[in-house]
Amino acid sequence: MNEPYERLVQSLKSLPGLGYRSAEKIALYLLVEKPERAKELTQSITLADEVLGPCRICGNLTDADECKICSSDERESNRLCVVESVTDLFAMEKAGVFHGKYHILMGKLSPVRGIGSDQLNISSLIKRIDEGEIEEVILALSNDMEGEATCHYLKNEVLKDDNLKVTRIGFGLPSGGGITYADENTLQNALQSRKSFDF
């Protein structure tokens, strides 16, 4: 098999959700059926790689110092929704069920995979809490063991202020599942049915 072709297939195969057959189908589409799309795709990826980076406040993808959500005066700045990833933020925004601001942890605690609090975006969360504007923190993390462990860590170590309301979504989300693939109604129910996160 041609080496450049095989390298392309293997690169595509390494993307989430693509097996060898799907990667091969995409490779042939780009090389044989629509070669002009290959150039367009390459340019889009190069441009995104050059101009996009994390928001200095929340960690969202942006082409500026601050993302549009953090810099917006129309968002509720006293409510903060903590999510695991940018894809979770996108899911919440697509559902249109939250009008506050976000904080992206960039993962969750996982001792088995060597992910501790130092590997997560927690220091900037502490800074945001210390500024005193936030009244409620909504923990919108996966409903699995690692998500629960992360919520407990945040509640015990980061969100200790008695004046800070800490809530946790969960109703309507399947056990062991995340919010990225939940539909709009499920996310709305989960957000509206949040409860105080206490022990």
C-alpha atoms as a PDB file:
ATOM      1  CA  MET A   1       0.000   0.000   0.000  1.00  0.00           C
ATOM      2  CA  ASN A   2       1.168   3.531  -0.772  1.00  0.00           C
ATOM      3  CA  GLU A   3       2.917   4.963   2.317  1.00  0.00           C
ATOM      4  CA  PRO A   4       1.514   8.553   2.175  1.00  0.00           C
ATOM      5  CA  TYR A   5      -1.982   7.134   1.715  1.00  0.00           C
ATOM      6  CA  GLU A   6      -1.570   4.752   4.641  1.00  0.00           C
ATOM      7  CA  ARG A   7      -0.209   7.574   6.811  1.00  0.00           C
ATOM      8  CA  LEU A   8      -3.293   9.650   5.999  1.00  0.00           C
ATOM      9  CA  VAL A   9      -5.619   6.763   6.870  1.00  0.00           C
ATOM     10  CA  GLN A  10      -3.793   6.115  10.142  1.00  0.00           C
ATOM     11  CA  SER A  11      -3.935   9.835  11.037  1.00  0.00           C
ATOM     12  CA  LEU A  12      -7.669   9.924  10.356  1.00  0.00           C
ATOM     13  CA  LYS A  13      -8.139   6.660  12.273  1.00  0.00           C
ATOM     14  CA  SER A  14      -6.563   8.257  15.348  1.00  0.00           C
ATOM     15  CA  LEU A  15      -9.451  10.762  15.523  1.00  0.00           C
ATOM     16  CA  PRO A  16     -12.264  10.009  18.017  1.00  0.00           C
ATOM     17  CA  GLY A  17     -15.032   7.803  16.645  1.00  0.00           C
ATOM     18  CA  LEU A  18     -13.250   6.728  13.446  1.00  0.00           C
ATOM     19  CA  GLY A  19     -12.276   3.164  12.700  1.00  0.00           C
ATOM     20  CA  TYR A  20     -10.075   2.005   9.820  1.00  0.00           C
ATOM     21  CA  ARG A  21     -12.928   1.661   7.303  1.00  0.00           C
ATOM     22  CA  SER A  22     -14.332   5.117   8.078  1.00  0.00           C
ATOM     23  CA  ALA A  23     -10.853   6.646   7.888  1.00  0.00           C
ATOM     24  CA  GLU A  24     -10.248   4.956   4.542  1.00  0.00           C
ATOM     25  CA  LYS A  25     -13.580   6.207   3.206  1.00  0.00           C
ATOM     26  CA  ILE A  26     -12.721   9.812   4.201  1.00  0.00           C
ATOM     27  CA  ALA A  27      -9.216   9.520   2.747  1.00  0.00           C
ATOM     28  CA  LEU A  28     -10.542   8.311  -0.609  1.00  0.00           C
ATOM     29  CA  TYR A  29     -13.206  11.020  -0.618  1.00  0.00           C
ATOM     30  CA  LEU A  30     -10.566  13.726  -0.069  1.00  0.00           C
ATOM     31  CA  LEU A  31      -8.026  12.307  -2.511  1.00  0.00           C
ATOM     32  CA  VAL A  32     -10.162  10.943  -5.333  1.00  0.00           C
ATOM     33  CA  GLU A  33     -13.713  12.256  -5.238  1.00  0.00           C
ATOM     34  CA  LYS A  34     -13.246  15.815  -3.914  1.00  0.00           C
ATOM     35  CA  PRO A  35      -9.536  16.748  -3.886  1.00  0.00           C
ATOM     36  CA  GLU A  36     -10.423  20.457  -3.598  1.00  0.00           C
ATOM     37  CA  ARG A  37     -11.963  19.689  -0.196  1.00  0.00           C
ATOM     38  CA  ALA A  38      -8.598  18.361   1.009  1.00  0.00           C
ATOM     39  CA  LYS A  39      -6.977  21.770   0.470  1.00  0.00           C
ATOM     40  CA  GLU A  40      -9.914  23.545   2.120  1.00  0.00           C
ATOM     41  CA  LEU A  41      -9.756  21.187   5.107  1.00  0.00           C
ATOM     42  CA  THR A  42      -5.988  21.619   5.433  1.00  0.00           C
ATOM     43  CA  GLN A  43      -6.321  25.411   5.381  1.00  0.00           C
ATOM     44  CA  SER A  44      -9.136  25.347   7.975  1.00  0.00           C
ATOM     45  CA  ILE A  45      -7.144  23.140  10.342  1.00  0.00           C
ATOM     46  CA  THR A  46      -3.988  25.255   9.902  1.00  0.00           C
ATOM     47  CA  LEU A  47      -5.885  28.502  10.533  1.00  0.00           C
ATOM     48  CA  ALA A  48      -7.667  27.103  13.601  1.00  0.00           C
ATOM     49  CA  ASP A  49      -4.368  25.799  14.983  1.00  0.00           C
ATOM     50  CA  GLU A  50      -2.732  29.203  14.493  1.00  0.00           C
ATOM     51  CA  VAL A  51      -5.438  31.484  15.902  1.00  0.00           C
ATOM     52  CA  LEU A  52      -7.452  29.479  18.440  1.00  0.00           C
ATOM     53  CA  GLY A  53      -6.384  28.972  22.031  1.00  0.00           C
ATOM     54  CA  PRO A  54      -7.844  28.812  25.540  1.00  0.00           C
ATOM     55  CA  CYS A  55      -9.644  31.781  27.066  1.00  0.00           C
ATOM     56  CA  ARG A  56      -7.463  33.126  29.887  1.00  0.00           C
ATOM     57  CA  ILE A  57     -10.484  33.180  32.208  1.00  0.00           C
ATOM     58  CA  CYS A  58     -12.521  30.034  31.586  1.00  0.00           C
ATOM     59  CA  GLY A  59     -10.507  27.851  29.177  1.00  0.00           C
ATOM     60  CA  ASN A  60     -13.016  28.004  26.295  1.00  0.00           C
ATOM     61  CA  LEU A  61     -11.721  28.061  22.706  1.00  0.00           C
ATOM     62  CA  THR A  62     -11.271  31.602  21.430  1.00  0.00           C
ATOM     63  CA  ASP A  63      -9.303  33.686  18.945  1.00  0.00           C
ATOM     64  CA  ALA A  64      -8.912  36.498  21.513  1.00  0.00           C
ATOM     65  CA  ASP A  65      -7.630  36.892  25.055  1.00  0.00           C
ATOM     66  CA  GLU A  66     -11.127  36.322  26.439  1.00  0.00           C
ATOM     67  CA  CYS A  67     -13.956  34.313  24.874  1.00  0.00           C
ATOM     68  CA  LYS A  68     -17.272  35.941  23.934  1.00  0.00           C
ATOM     69  CA  ILE A  69     -19.037  34.370  26.918  1.00  0.00           C
ATOM     70  CA  CYS A  70     -16.565  35.746  29.482  1.00  0.00           C
ATOM     71  CA  SER A  71     -16.532  39.202  27.910  1.00  0.00           C
ATOM     72  CA  SER A  72     -20.323  39.425  27.538  1.00  0.00           C
ATOM     73  CA  ASP A  73     -22.230  41.882  29.752  1.00  0.00           C
ATOM     74  CA  GLU A  74     -25.464  40.025  29.006  1.00  0.00           C
ATOM     75  CA  ARG A  75     -24.471  36.843  30.862  1.00  0.00           C
ATOM     76  CA  GLU A  76     -25.213  36.325  34.568  1.00  0.00           C
ATOM     77  CA  SER A  77     -21.780  36.905  36.073  1.00  0.00           C
ATOM     78  CA  ASN A  78     -22.792  35.677  39.544  1.00  0.00           C
ATOM     79  CA  ARG A  79     -23.505  32.101  38.359  1.00  0.00           C
ATOM     80  CA  LEU A  80     -20.695  29.813  37.243  1.00  0.00           C
ATOM     81  CA  CYS A  81     -21.165  26.425  35.595  1.00  0.00           C
ATOM     82  CA  VAL A  82     -18.147  24.125  35.966  1.00  0.00           C
ATOM     83  CA  VAL A  83     -17.770  21.589  33.127  1.00  0.00           C
ATOM     84  CA  GLU A  84     -15.116  19.063  32.156  1.00  0.00           C
ATOM     85  CA  SER A  85     -14.435  20.059  28.568  1.00  0.00           C
ATOM     86  CA  VAL A  86     -15.062  22.520  25.767  1.00  0.00           C
ATOM     87  CA  THR A  87     -17.446  20.004  24.168  1.00  0.00           C
ATOM     88  CA  ASP A  88     -19.552  20.071  27.357  1.00  0.00           C
ATOM     89  CA  LEU A  89     -19.696  23.868  27.176  1.00  0.00           C
ATOM     90  CA  PHE A  90     -20.756  23.655  23.521  1.00  0.00           C
ATOM     91  CA  ALA A  91     -23.515  21.166  24.455  1.00  0.00           C
ATOM     92  CA  MET A  92     -24.837  23.475  27.179  1.00  0.00           C
ATOM     93  CA  GLU A  93     -24.766  26.482  24.856  1.00  0.00           C
ATOM     94  CA  LYS A  94     -26.498  24.588  22.054  1.00  0.00           C
ATOM     95  CA  ALA A  95     -29.261  23.589  24.468  1.00  0.00           C
ATOM     96  CA  GLY A  96     -29.629  27.235  25.522  1.00  0.00           C
ATOM     97  CA  VAL A  97     -30.479  26.296  29.113  1.00  0.00           C
ATOM     98  CA  PHE A  98     -27.807  28.296  30.966  1.00  0.00           C
ATOM     99  CA  HIS A  99     -27.177  32.043  30.827  1.00  0.00           C
ATOM    100  CA  GLY A 100     -24.343  32.445  33.308  1.00  0.00           C
ATOM    101  CA  LYS A 101     -20.638  31.940  32.760  1.00  0.00           C
ATOM    102  CA  TYR A 102     -18.512  28.813  32.567  1.00  0.00           C
ATOM    103  CA  HIS A 103     -15.319  27.325  33.868  1.00  0.00           C
ATOM    104  CA  ILE A 104     -13.689  24.397  32.044  1.00  0.00           C
ATOM    105  CA  LEU A 105     -11.660  21.994  34.185  1.00  0.00           C
ATOM    106  CA  MET A 106     -10.031  20.293  31.176  1.00  0.00           C
ATOM    107  CA  GLY A 107     -10.808  16.861  32.612  1.00  0.00           C
ATOM    108  CA  LYS A 108     -11.605  15.260  35.945  1.00  0.00           C
ATOM    109  CA  LEU A 109      -9.633  13.659  38.749  1.00  0.00           C
ATOM    110  CA  SER A 110      -8.435  10.173  37.862  1.00  0.00           C
ATOM    111  CA  PRO A 111      -5.669   8.682  40.029  1.00  0.00           C
ATOM    112  CA  VAL A 112      -5.653   5.569  37.828  1.00  0.00           C
ATOM    113  CA  ARG A 113      -4.684   7.685  34.794  1.00  0.00           C
ATOM    114  CA  GLY A 114      -2.383   9.905  36.816  1.00  0.00           C
ATOM    115  CA  ILE A 115      -4.638  12.972  36.662  1.00  0.00           C
ATOM    116  CA  GLY A 116      -4.504  14.962  39.880  1.00  0.00           C
ATOM    117  CA  SER A 117      -5.680  18.441  40.784  1.00  0.00           C
ATOM    118  CA  ASP A 118      -2.461  19.948  39.375  1.00  0.00           C
ATOM    119  CA  GLN A 119      -3.382  18.733  35.885  1.00  0.00           C
ATOM    120  CA  LEU A 120      -6.802  20.410  35.979  1.00  0.00           C
ATOM    121  CA  ASN A 121      -7.750  24.064  35.456  1.00  0.00           C
ATOM    122  CA  ILE A 122      -8.363  24.646  39.169  1.00  0.00           C
ATOM    123  CA  SER A 123      -5.996  27.510  40.073  1.00  0.00           C
ATOM    124  CA  SER A 124      -7.906  29.931  37.829  1.00  0.00           C
ATOM    125  CA  LEU A 125     -11.191  28.673  39.341  1.00  0.00           C
ATOM    126  CA  ILE A 126      -9.893  29.555  42.814  1.00  0.00           C
ATOM    127  CA  LYS A 127      -8.935  33.003  41.536  1.00  0.00           C
ATOM    128  CA  ARG A 128     -12.437  33.563  40.136  1.00  0.00           C
ATOM    129  CA  ILE A 129     -14.063  32.494  43.395  1.00  0.00           C
ATOM    130  CA  ASP A 130     -11.738  34.734  45.420  1.00  0.00           C
ATOM    131  CA  GLU A 131     -12.808  37.767  43.372  1.00  0.00           C
ATOM    132  CA  GLY A 132     -16.145  37.500  45.202  1.00  0.00           C
ATOM    133  CA  GLU A 133     -18.593  38.111  42.364  1.00  0.00           C
ATOM    134  CA  ILE A 134     -19.799  34.511  42.080  1.00  0.00           C
ATOM    135  CA  GLU A 135     -22.758  33.510  44.256  1.00  0.00           C
ATOM    136  CA  GLU A 136     -23.529  30.049  42.833  1.00  0.00           C
ATOM    137  CA  VAL A 137     -21.306  27.357  41.355  1.00  0.00           C
ATOM    138  CA  ILE A 138     -23.090  24.650  39.382  1.00  0.00           C
ATOM    139  CA  LEU A 139     -21.084  21.427  39.092  1.00  0.00           C
ATOM    140  CA  ALA A 140     -22.006  19.961  35.687  1.00  0.00           C
ATOM    141  CA  LEU A 141     -19.603  17.022  35.649  1.00  0.00           C
ATOM    142  CA  SER A 142     -20.123  13.459  34.464  1.00  0.00           C
ATOM    143  CA  ASN A 143     -22.340  11.214  36.541  1.00  0.00           C
ATOM    144  CA  ASP A 144     -19.598   8.604  37.097  1.00  0.00           C
ATOM    145  CA  MET A 145     -17.077   7.788  39.847  1.00  0.00           C
ATOM    146  CA  GLU A 146     -14.432  10.208  38.575  1.00  0.00           C
ATOM    147  CA  GLY A 147     -16.976  12.992  38.125  1.00  0.00           C
ATOM    148  CA  GLU A 148     -18.318  12.445  41.648  1.00  0.00           C
ATOM    149  CA  ALA A 149     -14.788  12.360  43.098  1.00  0.00           C
ATOM    150  CA  THR A 150     -13.986  15.632  41.341  1.00  0.00           C
ATOM    151  CA  CYS A 151     -17.173  17.250  42.678  1.00  0.00           C
ATOM    152  CA  HIS A 152     -16.322  16.160  46.227  1.00  0.00           C
ATOM    153  CA  TYR A 153     -12.774  17.487  45.871  1.00  0.00           C
ATOM    154  CA  LEU A 154     -14.009  20.851  44.584  1.00  0.00           C
ATOM    155  CA  LYS A 155     -16.599  21.125  47.364  1.00  0.00           C
ATOM    156  CA  ASN A 156     -14.098  20.233  50.122  1.00  0.00           C
ATOM    157  CA  GLU A 157     -10.977  22.009  48.872  1.00  0.00           C
ATOM    158  CA  VAL A 158     -11.997  24.833  46.526  1.00  0.00           C
ATOM    159  CA  LEU A 159     -15.606  25.860  47.160  1.00  0.00           C
ATOM    160  CA  LYS A 160     -15.460  26.056  50.956  1.00  0.00           C
ATOM    161  CA  ASP A 161     -16.893  29.561  51.366  1.00  0.00           C
ATOM    162  CA  ASP A 162     -20.120  29.322  53.399  1.00  0.00           C
ATOM    163  CA  ASN A 163     -21.612  32.187  51.388  1.00  0.00           C
ATOM    164  CA  LEU A 164     -21.132  30.287  48.143  1.00  0.00           C
ATOM    165  CA  LYS A 165     -24.058  28.185  46.939  1.00  0.00           C
ATOM    166  CA  VAL A 166     -22.796  24.934  45.387  1.00  0.00           C
ATOM    167  CA  THR A 167     -25.233  22.859  43.334  1.00  0.00           C
ATOM    168  CA  ARG A 168     -24.863  19.690  41.293  1.00  0.00           C
ATOM    169  CA  ILE A 169     -26.775  18.678  38.179  1.00  0.00           C
ATOM    170  CA  GLY A 170     -27.621  15.036  37.779  1.00  0.00           C
ATOM    171  CA  PHE A 171     -31.350  14.455  37.372  1.00  0.00           C
ATOM    172  CA  GLY A 172     -32.059  13.062  33.921  1.00  0.00           C
ATOM    173  CA  LEU A 173     -28.434  12.215  33.145  1.00  0.00           C
ATOM    174  CA  PRO A 174     -27.663   8.492  32.896  1.00  0.00           C
ATOM    175  CA  SER A 175     -25.386   7.035  35.539  1.00  0.00           C
ATOM    176  CA  GLY A 176     -21.876   6.836  34.130  1.00  0.00           C
ATOM    177  CA  GLY A 177     -22.694   9.305  31.353  1.00  0.00           C
ATOM    178  CA  GLY A 178     -21.534  12.801  30.517  1.00  0.00           C
ATOM    179  CA  ILE A 179     -23.410  15.861  29.299  1.00  0.00           C
ATOM    180  CA  THR A 180     -21.811  16.107  25.846  1.00  0.00           C
ATOM    181  CA  TYR A 181     -24.300  13.709  24.222  1.00  0.00           C
ATOM    182  CA  ALA A 182     -27.380  14.591  26.266  1.00  0.00           C
ATOM    183  CA  ASP A 183     -30.290  16.152  24.380  1.00  0.00           C
ATOM    184  CA  GLU A 184     -31.637  19.642  25.099  1.00  0.00           C
ATOM    185  CA  ASN A 185     -34.583  18.478  27.253  1.00  0.00           C
ATOM    186  CA  THR A 186     -32.353  16.265  29.382  1.00  0.00           C
ATOM    187  CA  LEU A 187     -29.887  19.118  29.945  1.00  0.00           C
ATOM    188  CA  GLN A 188     -32.684  21.523  30.802  1.00  0.00           C
ATOM    189  CA  ASN A 189     -34.171  19.066  33.320  1.00  0.00           C
ATOM    190  CA  ALA A 190     -30.744  18.406  34.799  1.00  0.00           C
ATOM    191  CA  LEU A 191     -30.052  22.110  35.223  1.00  0.00           C
ATOM    192  CA  GLN A 192     -33.488  23.003  36.589  1.00  0.00           C
ATOM    193  CA  SER A 193     -33.452  20.057  39.013  1.00  0.00           C
ATOM    194  CA  ARG A 194     -30.017  20.785  40.442  1.00  0.00           C
ATOM    195  CA  LYS A 195     -29.703  20.414  44.187  1.00  0.00           C
ATOM    196  CA  SER A 196     -27.464  21.692  46.902  1.00  0.00           C
ATOM    197  CA  PHE A 197     -24.190  19.786  46.881  1.00  0.00           C
ATOM    198  CA  ASP A 198     -23.768  18.864  50.542  1.00  0.00           C
ATOM    199  CA  PHE A 199     -22.865  15.758  52.489  1.00  0.00           C
END
